[in-house]
Amino acid sequence: MLMYYNYIFYIFILSGLWSFVSKRKHLLSTLLSLEFIVLSLFFYMFFILLFYFELYFLMYFLTFGVCEGALGLGILVSMIRSHGNDYFNSFNMLQC
């Protein structure tokens, strides 16, 4: 029965990776797919670590996940303020 739960979590992680890798126009949609990957990894680690009674590691993982989300939103806000929108094709890294 546990093997079937592993397949479900693998499907969640792979669907998050597919949505991240597929071509997106907006930075916000890529940030949401990254958060989906982090959330699916959190649930996977929760069910694995529940058997070992080592749930303290999840607090560290959640801390890094929240920091990653805050940094992503900070970059999103700075790009919207500097370029006016969050389209990937509107800004070029080679131009000033």
PDB file of N, CA and C in Angstrom:
ATOM      1  N   MET A   1       0.819  -1.196   0.000  1.00  0.00           N
ATOM      2  CA  MET A   1       0.000   0.000   0.000  1.00  0.00           C
ATOM      3  C   MET A   1       0.862   1.259   0.000  1.00  0.00           C
ATOM      4  N   LEU A   2       1.981   1.206   0.701  1.00  0.00           N
ATOM      5  CA  LEU A   2       2.869   2.363   0.748  1.00  0.00           C
ATOM      6  C   LEU A   2       3.503   2.640  -0.612  1.00  0.00           C
ATOM      7  N   MET A   3       3.677   1.596  -1.405  1.00  0.00           N
ATOM      8  CA  MET A   3       4.270   1.752  -2.720  1.00  0.00           C
ATOM      9  C   MET A   3       3.368   2.593  -3.625  1.00  0.00           C
ATOM     10  N   TYR A   4       2.062   2.467  -3.482  1.00  0.00           N
ATOM     11  CA  TYR A   4       1.142   3.256  -4.290  1.00  0.00           C
ATOM     12  C   TYR A   4       1.190   4.726  -3.915  1.00  0.00           C
ATOM     13  N   TYR A   5       1.404   5.023  -2.642  1.00  0.00           N
ATOM     14  CA  TYR A   5       1.550   6.418  -2.225  1.00  0.00           C
ATOM     15  C   TYR A   5       2.823   7.029  -2.799  1.00  0.00           C
ATOM     16  N   ASN A   6       3.877   6.236  -2.915  1.00  0.00           N
ATOM     17  CA  ASN A   6       5.103   6.740  -3.536  1.00  0.00           C
ATOM     18  C   ASN A   6       4.859   7.130  -4.980  1.00  0.00           C
ATOM     19  N   TYR A   7       4.095   6.345  -5.707  1.00  0.00           N
ATOM     20  CA  TYR A   7       3.798   6.666  -7.097  1.00  0.00           C
ATOM     21  C   TYR A   7       2.986   7.951  -7.208  1.00  0.00           C
ATOM     22  N   ILE A   8       2.082   8.167  -6.287  1.00  0.00           N
ATOM     23  CA  ILE A   8       1.292   9.399  -6.297  1.00  0.00           C
ATOM     24  C   ILE A   8       2.186  10.606  -6.075  1.00  0.00           C
ATOM     25  N   PHE A   9       3.123  10.496  -5.128  1.00  0.00           N
ATOM     26  CA  PHE A   9       4.022  11.614  -4.876  1.00  0.00           C
ATOM     27  C   PHE A   9       4.973  11.838  -6.043  1.00  0.00           C
ATOM     28  N   TYR A  10       5.400  10.769  -6.698  1.00  0.00           N
ATOM     29  CA  TYR A  10       6.250  10.926  -7.875  1.00  0.00           C
ATOM     30  C   TYR A  10       5.498  11.629  -8.995  1.00  0.00           C
ATOM     31  N   ILE A  11       4.233  11.326  -9.147  1.00  0.00           N
ATOM     32  CA  ILE A  11       3.420  12.001 -10.161  1.00  0.00           C
ATOM     33  C   ILE A  11       3.274  13.478  -9.831  1.00  0.00           C
ATOM     34  N   PHE A  12       3.076  13.806  -8.551  1.00  0.00           N
ATOM     35  CA  PHE A  12       2.975  15.211  -8.146  1.00  0.00           C
ATOM     36  C   PHE A  12       4.261  15.962  -8.438  1.00  0.00           C
ATOM     37  N   ILE A  13       5.391  15.369  -8.086  1.00  0.00           N
ATOM     38  CA  ILE A  13       6.676  16.039  -8.293  1.00  0.00           C
ATOM     39  C   ILE A  13       6.969  16.188  -9.776  1.00  0.00           C
ATOM     40  N   LEU A  14       6.703  15.162 -10.560  1.00  0.00           N
ATOM     41  CA  LEU A  14       6.951  15.244 -11.999  1.00  0.00           C
ATOM     42  C   LEU A  14       6.011  16.218 -12.696  1.00  0.00           C
ATOM     43  N   SER A  15       4.779  16.327 -12.227  1.00  0.00           N
ATOM     44  CA  SER A  15       3.876  17.313 -12.829  1.00  0.00           C
ATOM     45  C   SER A  15       4.320  18.735 -12.486  1.00  0.00           C
ATOM     46  N   GLY A  16       4.848  18.939 -11.290  1.00  0.00           N
ATOM     47  CA  GLY A  16       5.405  20.245 -10.954  1.00  0.00           C
ATOM     48  C   GLY A  16       6.629  20.575 -11.771  1.00  0.00           C
ATOM     49  N   LEU A  17       7.489  19.584 -11.990  1.00  0.00           N
ATOM     50  CA  LEU A  17       8.666  19.806 -12.831  1.00  0.00           C
ATOM     51  C   LEU A  17       8.272  20.072 -14.282  1.00  0.00           C
ATOM     52  N   TRP A  18       7.254  19.365 -14.768  1.00  0.00           N
ATOM     53  CA  TRP A  18       6.801  19.595 -16.137  1.00  0.00           C
ATOM     54  C   TRP A  18       6.238  21.004 -16.300  1.00  0.00           C
ATOM     55  N   SER A  19       5.469  21.468 -15.333  1.00  0.00           N
ATOM     56  CA  SER A  19       4.919  22.820 -15.440  1.00  0.00           C
ATOM     57  C   SER A  19       6.009  23.876 -15.299  1.00  0.00           C
ATOM     58  N   PHE A  20       7.090  23.567 -14.587  1.00  0.00           N
ATOM     59  CA  PHE A  20       8.196  24.513 -14.467  1.00  0.00           C
ATOM     60  C   PHE A  20       9.013  24.576 -15.755  1.00  0.00           C
ATOM     61  N   VAL A  21       9.232  23.431 -16.370  1.00  0.00           N
ATOM     62  CA  VAL A  21      10.078  23.378 -17.555  1.00  0.00           C
ATOM     63  C   VAL A  21       9.341  23.850 -18.806  1.00  0.00           C
ATOM     64  N   SER A  22       8.040  23.630 -18.840  1.00  0.00           N
ATOM     65  CA  SER A  22       7.291  24.036 -20.034  1.00  0.00           C
ATOM     66  C   SER A  22       7.338  25.551 -20.184  1.00  0.00           C
ATOM     67  N   LYS A  23       7.154  25.993 -21.399  1.00  0.00           N
ATOM     68  CA  LYS A  23       7.316  27.420 -21.676  1.00  0.00           C
ATOM     69  C   LYS A  23       6.199  28.220 -21.017  1.00  0.00           C
ATOM     70  N   ARG A  24       6.599  29.157 -20.213  1.00  0.00           N
ATOM     71  CA  ARG A  24       5.656  30.032 -19.517  1.00  0.00           C
ATOM     72  C   ARG A  24       5.930  31.469 -19.914  1.00  0.00           C
ATOM     73  N   LYS A  25       4.891  32.271 -19.927  1.00  0.00           N
ATOM     74  CA  LYS A  25       5.063  33.678 -20.241  1.00  0.00           C
ATOM     75  C   LYS A  25       5.361  34.512 -19.005  1.00  0.00           C
ATOM     76  N   HIS A  26       4.750  34.159 -17.899  1.00  0.00           N
ATOM     77  CA  HIS A  26       4.832  34.995 -16.711  1.00  0.00           C
ATOM     78  C   HIS A  26       5.779  34.402 -15.677  1.00  0.00           C
ATOM     79  N   LEU A  27       6.422  35.286 -14.943  1.00  0.00           N
ATOM     80  CA  LEU A  27       7.288  34.861 -13.856  1.00  0.00           C
ATOM     81  C   LEU A  27       6.470  34.293 -12.698  1.00  0.00           C
ATOM     82  N   LEU A  28       5.275  34.820 -12.493  1.00  0.00           N
ATOM     83  CA  LEU A  28       4.430  34.346 -11.396  1.00  0.00           C
ATOM     84  C   LEU A  28       4.038  32.884 -11.577  1.00  0.00           C
ATOM     85  N   SER A  29       3.778  32.453 -12.785  1.00  0.00           N
ATOM     86  CA  SER A  29       3.405  31.050 -13.003  1.00  0.00           C
ATOM     87  C   SER A  29       4.584  30.111 -12.754  1.00  0.00           C
ATOM     88  N   THR A  30       5.801  30.546 -13.072  1.00  0.00           N
ATOM     89  CA  THR A  30       6.960  29.711 -12.753  1.00  0.00           C
ATOM     90  C   THR A  30       7.203  29.656 -11.252  1.00  0.00           C
ATOM     91  N   LEU A  31       6.960  30.750 -10.559  1.00  0.00           N
ATOM     92  CA  LEU A  31       7.098  30.736  -9.099  1.00  0.00           C
ATOM     93  C   LEU A  31       6.046  29.833  -8.452  1.00  0.00           C
ATOM     94  N   LEU A  32       4.841  29.821  -9.002  1.00  0.00           N
ATOM     95  CA  LEU A  32       3.801  28.937  -8.471  1.00  0.00           C
ATOM     96  C   LEU A  32       4.133  27.471  -8.701  1.00  0.00           C
ATOM     97  N   SER A  33       4.742  27.162  -9.843  1.00  0.00           N
ATOM     98  CA  SER A  33       5.127  25.767 -10.078  1.00  0.00           C
ATOM     99  C   SER A  33       6.276  25.353  -9.154  1.00  0.00           C
ATOM    100  N   LEU A  34       7.188  26.268  -8.842  1.00  0.00           N
ATOM    101  CA  LEU A  34       8.236  25.965  -7.862  1.00  0.00           C
ATOM    102  C   LEU A  34       7.643  25.709  -6.480  1.00  0.00           C
ATOM    103  N   GLU A  35       6.651  26.489  -6.103  1.00  0.00           N
ATOM    104  CA  GLU A  35       6.008  26.275  -4.802  1.00  0.00           C
ATOM    105  C   GLU A  35       5.241  24.958  -4.772  1.00  0.00           C
ATOM    106  N   PHE A  36       4.676  24.552  -5.903  1.00  0.00           N
ATOM    107  CA  PHE A  36       4.009  23.254  -5.969  1.00  0.00           C
ATOM    108  C   PHE A  36       5.002  22.119  -5.788  1.00  0.00           C
ATOM    109  N   ILE A  37       6.196  22.258  -6.366  1.00  0.00           N
ATOM    110  CA  ILE A  37       7.234  21.247  -6.183  1.00  0.00           C
ATOM    111  C   ILE A  37       7.653  21.172  -4.727  1.00  0.00           C
ATOM    112  N   VAL A  38       7.836  22.325  -4.096  1.00  0.00           N
ATOM    113  CA  VAL A  38       8.223  22.347  -2.676  1.00  0.00           C
ATOM    114  C   VAL A  38       7.134  21.731  -1.810  1.00  0.00           C
ATOM    115  N   LEU A  39       5.882  22.016  -2.106  1.00  0.00           N
ATOM    116  CA  LEU A  39       4.780  21.457  -1.325  1.00  0.00           C
ATOM    117  C   LEU A  39       4.667  19.953  -1.501  1.00  0.00           C
ATOM    118  N   SER A  40       4.855  19.462  -2.713  1.00  0.00           N
ATOM    119  CA  SER A  40       4.780  18.014  -2.926  1.00  0.00           C
ATOM    120  C   SER A  40       5.970  17.306  -2.273  1.00  0.00           C
ATOM    121  N   LEU A  41       7.153  17.919  -2.303  1.00  0.00           N
ATOM    122  CA  LEU A  41       8.300  17.340  -1.588  1.00  0.00           C
ATOM    123  C   LEU A  41       8.076  17.336  -0.086  1.00  0.00           C
ATOM    124  N   PHE A  42       7.417  18.386   0.429  1.00  0.00           N
ATOM    125  CA  PHE A  42       7.107  18.431   1.859  1.00  0.00           C
ATOM    126  C   PHE A  42       6.179  17.289   2.259  1.00  0.00           C
ATOM    127  N   PHE A  43       5.127  17.053   1.483  1.00  0.00           N
ATOM    128  CA  PHE A  43       4.213  15.960   1.817  1.00  0.00           C
ATOM    129  C   PHE A  43       4.881  14.600   1.693  1.00  0.00           C
ATOM    130  N   TYR A  44       5.749  14.456   0.699  1.00  0.00           N
ATOM    131  CA  TYR A  44       6.469  13.199   0.539  1.00  0.00           C
ATOM    132  C   TYR A  44       7.395  12.955   1.731  1.00  0.00           C
ATOM    133  N   MET A  45       8.133  13.978   2.128  1.00  0.00           N
ATOM    134  CA  MET A  45       9.037  13.819   3.275  1.00  0.00           C
ATOM    135  C   MET A  45       8.262  13.633   4.573  1.00  0.00           C
ATOM    136  N   PHE A  46       7.076  14.237   4.667  1.00  0.00           N
ATOM    137  CA  PHE A  46       6.267  14.051   5.873  1.00  0.00           C
ATOM    138  C   PHE A  46       5.870  12.589   6.042  1.00  0.00           C
ATOM    139  N   PHE A  47       5.409  11.966   4.967  1.00  0.00           N
ATOM    140  CA  PHE A  47       4.989  10.573   5.079  1.00  0.00           C
ATOM    141  C   PHE A  47       6.167   9.619   5.253  1.00  0.00           C
ATOM    142  N   ILE A  48       7.320   9.960   4.705  1.00  0.00           N
ATOM    143  CA  ILE A  48       8.500   9.122   4.900  1.00  0.00           C
ATOM    144  C   ILE A  48       9.051   9.278   6.314  1.00  0.00           C
ATOM    145  N   LEU A  49       9.182  10.519   6.779  1.00  0.00           N
ATOM    146  CA  LEU A  49       9.760  10.764   8.104  1.00  0.00           C
ATOM    147  C   LEU A  49       8.803  10.446   9.241  1.00  0.00           C
ATOM    148  N   LEU A  50       7.541  10.271   8.943  1.00  0.00           N
ATOM    149  CA  LEU A  50       6.574   9.914   9.976  1.00  0.00           C
ATOM    150  C   LEU A  50       6.873   8.532  10.544  1.00  0.00           C
ATOM    151  N   PHE A  51       7.405   7.653   9.717  1.00  0.00           N
ATOM    152  CA  PHE A  51       7.746   6.309  10.189  1.00  0.00           C
ATOM    153  C   PHE A  51       8.997   6.294  11.052  1.00  0.00           C
ATOM    154  N   TYR A  52       9.874   7.288  10.866  1.00  0.00           N
ATOM    155  CA  TYR A  52      11.116   7.338  11.621  1.00  0.00           C
ATOM    156  C   TYR A  52      11.055   8.276  12.827  1.00  0.00           C
ATOM    157  N   PHE A  53       9.937   8.948  13.032  1.00  0.00           N
ATOM    158  CA  PHE A  53       9.718   9.882  14.137  1.00  0.00           C
ATOM    159  C   PHE A  53      10.752  11.006  14.142  1.00  0.00           C
ATOM    160  N   GLU A  54      11.129  11.473  12.983  1.00  0.00           N
ATOM    161  CA  GLU A  54      12.091  12.563  12.835  1.00  0.00           C
ATOM    162  C   GLU A  54      11.419  13.721  12.108  1.00  0.00           C
ATOM    163  N   LEU A  55      10.442  14.330  12.723  1.00  0.00           N
ATOM    164  CA  LEU A  55       9.695  15.388  12.055  1.00  0.00           C
ATOM    165  C   LEU A  55      10.318  16.769  12.238  1.00  0.00           C
ATOM    166  N   TYR A  56      11.404  16.867  13.005  1.00  0.00           N
ATOM    167  CA  TYR A  56      12.045  18.162  13.193  1.00  0.00           C
ATOM    168  C   TYR A  56      12.706  18.667  11.919  1.00  0.00           C
ATOM    169  N   PHE A  57      13.122  17.754  11.072  1.00  0.00           N
ATOM    170  CA  PHE A  57      13.730  18.154   9.801  1.00  0.00           C
ATOM    171  C   PHE A  57      12.737  18.906   8.928  1.00  0.00           C
ATOM    172  N   LEU A  58      11.469  18.623   9.077  1.00  0.00           N
ATOM    173  CA  LEU A  58      10.453  19.301   8.268  1.00  0.00           C
ATOM    174  C   LEU A  58      10.364  20.786   8.587  1.00  0.00           C
ATOM    175  N   MET A  59      10.679  21.149   9.817  1.00  0.00           N
ATOM    176  CA  MET A  59      10.680  22.575  10.158  1.00  0.00           C
ATOM    177  C   MET A  59      11.788  23.312   9.403  1.00  0.00           C
ATOM    178  N   TYR A  60      12.941  22.688   9.275  1.00  0.00           N
ATOM    179  CA  TYR A  60      14.020  23.292   8.491  1.00  0.00           C
ATOM    180  C   TYR A  60      13.623  23.386   7.020  1.00  0.00           C
ATOM    181  N   PHE A  61      12.999  22.341   6.519  1.00  0.00           N
ATOM    182  CA  PHE A  61      12.584  22.337   5.120  1.00  0.00           C
ATOM    183  C   PHE A  61      11.535  23.423   4.860  1.00  0.00           C
ATOM    184  N   LEU A  62      10.588  23.579   5.781  1.00  0.00           N
ATOM    185  CA  LEU A  62       9.580  24.622   5.617  1.00  0.00           C
ATOM    186  C   LEU A  62      10.192  26.012   5.704  1.00  0.00           C
ATOM    187  N   THR A  63      11.193  26.174   6.552  1.00  0.00           N
ATOM    188  CA  THR A  63      11.868  27.468   6.663  1.00  0.00           C
ATOM    189  C   THR A  63      12.543  27.841   5.352  1.00  0.00           C
ATOM    190  N   PHE A  64      13.253  26.888   4.754  1.00  0.00           N
ATOM    191  CA  PHE A  64      13.891  27.171   3.474  1.00  0.00           C
ATOM    192  C   PHE A  64      12.857  27.367   2.363  1.00  0.00           C
ATOM    193  N   GLY A  65      11.745  26.658   2.419  1.00  0.00           N
ATOM    194  CA  GLY A  65      10.691  26.839   1.425  1.00  0.00           C
ATOM    195  C   GLY A  65      10.048  28.215   1.504  1.00  0.00           C
ATOM    196  N   VAL A  66       9.843  28.703   2.719  1.00  0.00           N
ATOM    197  CA  VAL A  66       9.266  30.042   2.897  1.00  0.00           C
ATOM    198  C   VAL A  66      10.260  31.107   2.447  1.00  0.00           C
ATOM    199  N   CYS A  67      11.536  30.906   2.745  1.00  0.00           N
ATOM    200  CA  CYS A  67      12.559  31.860   2.286  1.00  0.00           C
ATOM    201  C   CYS A  67      12.639  31.888   0.766  1.00  0.00           C
ATOM    202  N   GLU A  68      12.516  30.739   0.143  1.00  0.00           N
ATOM    203  CA  GLU A  68      12.533  30.673  -1.316  1.00  0.00           C
ATOM    204  C   GLU A  68      11.339  31.412  -1.909  1.00  0.00           C
ATOM    205  N   GLY A  69      10.182  31.252  -1.296  1.00  0.00           N
ATOM    206  CA  GLY A  69       8.996  31.953  -1.777  1.00  0.00           C
ATOM    207  C   GLY A  69       9.096  33.453  -1.588  1.00  0.00           C
ATOM    208  N   ALA A  70       9.641  33.893  -0.459  1.00  0.00           N
ATOM    209  CA  ALA A  70       9.789  35.329  -0.209  1.00  0.00           C
ATOM    210  C   ALA A  70      10.797  35.950  -1.167  1.00  0.00           C
ATOM    211  N   LEU A  71      11.895  35.257  -1.447  1.00  0.00           N
ATOM    212  CA  LEU A  71      12.868  35.776  -2.404  1.00  0.00           C
ATOM    213  C   LEU A  71      12.280  35.849  -3.806  1.00  0.00           C
ATOM    214  N   GLY A  72      11.502  34.854  -4.186  1.00  0.00           N
ATOM    215  CA  GLY A  72      10.863  34.870  -5.497  1.00  0.00           C
ATOM    216  C   GLY A  72       9.871  36.016  -5.637  1.00  0.00           C
ATOM    217  N   LEU A  73       9.097  36.266  -4.595  1.00  0.00           N
ATOM    218  CA  LEU A  73       8.149  37.385  -4.662  1.00  0.00           C
ATOM    219  C   LEU A  73       8.868  38.727  -4.663  1.00  0.00           C
ATOM    220  N   GLY A  74       9.989  38.800  -3.962  1.00  0.00           N
ATOM    221  CA  GLY A  74      10.782  40.029  -3.993  1.00  0.00           C
ATOM    222  C   GLY A  74      11.332  40.305  -5.381  1.00  0.00           C
ATOM    223  N   ILE A  75      11.818  39.267  -6.051  1.00  0.00           N
ATOM    224  CA  ILE A  75      12.308  39.433  -7.420  1.00  0.00           C
ATOM    225  C   ILE A  75      11.162  39.806  -8.350  1.00  0.00           C
ATOM    226  N   LEU A  76       9.992  39.218  -8.137  1.00  0.00           N
ATOM    227  CA  LEU A  76       8.822  39.537  -8.961  1.00  0.00           C
ATOM    228  C   LEU A  76       8.430  41.000  -8.808  1.00  0.00           C
ATOM    229  N   VAL A  77       8.406  41.497  -7.583  1.00  0.00           N
ATOM    230  CA  VAL A  77       8.031  42.894  -7.349  1.00  0.00           C
ATOM    231  C   VAL A  77       9.058  43.842  -7.951  1.00  0.00           C
ATOM    232  N   SER A  78      10.339  43.512  -7.808  1.00  0.00           N
ATOM    233  CA  SER A  78      11.368  44.398  -8.381  1.00  0.00           C
ATOM    234  C   SER A  78      11.322  44.407  -9.901  1.00  0.00           C
ATOM    235  N   MET A  79      11.013  43.268 -10.521  1.00  0.00           N
ATOM    236  CA  MET A  79      10.906  43.242 -11.979  1.00  0.00           C
ATOM    237  C   MET A  79       9.670  43.985 -12.459  1.00  0.00           C
ATOM    238  N   ILE A  80       8.593  43.894 -11.730  1.00  0.00           N
ATOM    239  CA  ILE A  80       7.388  44.629 -12.127  1.00  0.00           C
ATOM    240  C   ILE A  80       7.611  46.123 -11.989  1.00  0.00           C
ATOM    241  N   ARG A  81       8.333  46.533 -10.950  1.00  0.00           N
ATOM    242  CA  ARG A  81       8.605  47.963 -10.780  1.00  0.00           C
ATOM    243  C   ARG A  81       9.576  48.486 -11.834  1.00  0.00           C
ATOM    244  N   SER A  82      10.538  47.672 -12.239  1.00  0.00           N
ATOM    245  CA  SER A  82      11.522  48.167 -13.198  1.00  0.00           C
ATOM    246  C   SER A  82      11.053  48.034 -14.648  1.00  0.00           C
ATOM    247  N   HIS A  83      10.301  46.981 -14.976  1.00  0.00           N
ATOM    248  CA  HIS A  83       9.900  46.740 -16.363  1.00  0.00           C
ATOM    249  C   HIS A  83       8.416  46.964 -16.621  1.00  0.00           C
ATOM    250  N   GLY A  84       7.598  47.046 -15.606  1.00  0.00           N
ATOM    251  CA  GLY A  84       6.183  47.318 -15.797  1.00  0.00           C
ATOM    252  C   GLY A  84       5.298  46.095 -15.868  1.00  0.00           C
ATOM    253  N   ASN A  85       5.858  44.915 -16.107  1.00  0.00           N
ATOM    254  CA  ASN A  85       5.071  43.679 -16.140  1.00  0.00           C
ATOM    255  C   ASN A  85       5.994  42.516 -15.816  1.00  0.00           C
ATOM    256  N   ASP A  86       5.421  41.308 -15.789  1.00  0.00           N
ATOM    257  CA  ASP A  86       6.234  40.138 -15.458  1.00  0.00           C
ATOM    258  C   ASP A  86       6.379  39.177 -16.635  1.00  0.00           C
ATOM    259  N   TYR A  87       6.247  39.687 -17.847  1.00  0.00           N
ATOM    260  CA  TYR A  87       6.479  38.851 -19.022  1.00  0.00           C
ATOM    261  C   TYR A  87       7.975  38.593 -19.179  1.00  0.00           C
ATOM    262  N   PHE A  88       8.299  37.350 -19.559  1.00  0.00           N
ATOM    263  CA  PHE A  88       9.704  37.033 -19.776  1.00  0.00           C
ATOM    264  C   PHE A  88      10.244  37.680 -21.048  1.00  0.00           C
ATOM    265  N   ASN A  89       9.400  37.867 -22.036  1.00  0.00           N
ATOM    266  CA  ASN A  89       9.900  38.392 -23.301  1.00  0.00           C
ATOM    267  C   ASN A  89      10.024  39.911 -23.307  1.00  0.00           C
ATOM    268  N   SER A  90       9.580  40.601 -22.266  1.00  0.00           N
ATOM    269  CA  SER A  90       9.651  42.062 -22.261  1.00  0.00           C
ATOM    270  C   SER A  90      10.979  42.586 -21.758  1.00  0.00           C
ATOM    271  N   PHE A  91      11.732  41.776 -21.047  1.00  0.00           N
ATOM    272  CA  PHE A  91      13.035  42.250 -20.582  1.00  0.00           C
ATOM    273  C   PHE A  91      14.130  41.341 -21.095  1.00  0.00           C
ATOM    274  N   ASN A  92      15.254  41.949 -21.372  1.00  0.00           N
ATOM    275  CA  ASN A  92      16.404  41.228 -21.900  1.00  0.00           C
ATOM    276  C   ASN A  92      17.577  41.501 -20.959  1.00  0.00           C
ATOM    277  N   MET A  93      18.314  40.473 -20.600  1.00  0.00           N
ATOM    278  CA  MET A  93      19.417  40.644 -19.662  1.00  0.00           C
ATOM    279  C   MET A  93      20.620  41.346 -20.307  1.00  0.00           C
ATOM    280  N   LEU A  94      20.674  41.392 -21.634  1.00  0.00           N
ATOM    281  CA  LEU A  94      21.822  42.000 -22.293  1.00  0.00           C
ATOM    282  C   LEU A  94      21.674  43.516 -22.382  1.00  0.00           C
ATOM    283  N   GLN A  95      20.473  44.044 -22.271  1.00  0.00           N
ATOM    284  CA  GLN A  95      20.256  45.474 -22.348  1.00  0.00           C
ATOM    285  C   GLN A  95      20.328  46.099 -20.974  1.00  0.00           C
ATOM    286  N   CYS A  96      20.610  47.403 -20.946  1.00  0.00           N
ATOM    287  CA  CYS A  96      20.635  48.126 -19.664  1.00  0.00           C
ATOM    288  C   CYS A  96      19.258  48.583 -19.277  1.00  0.00           C
TER     289      CYS A  96
END
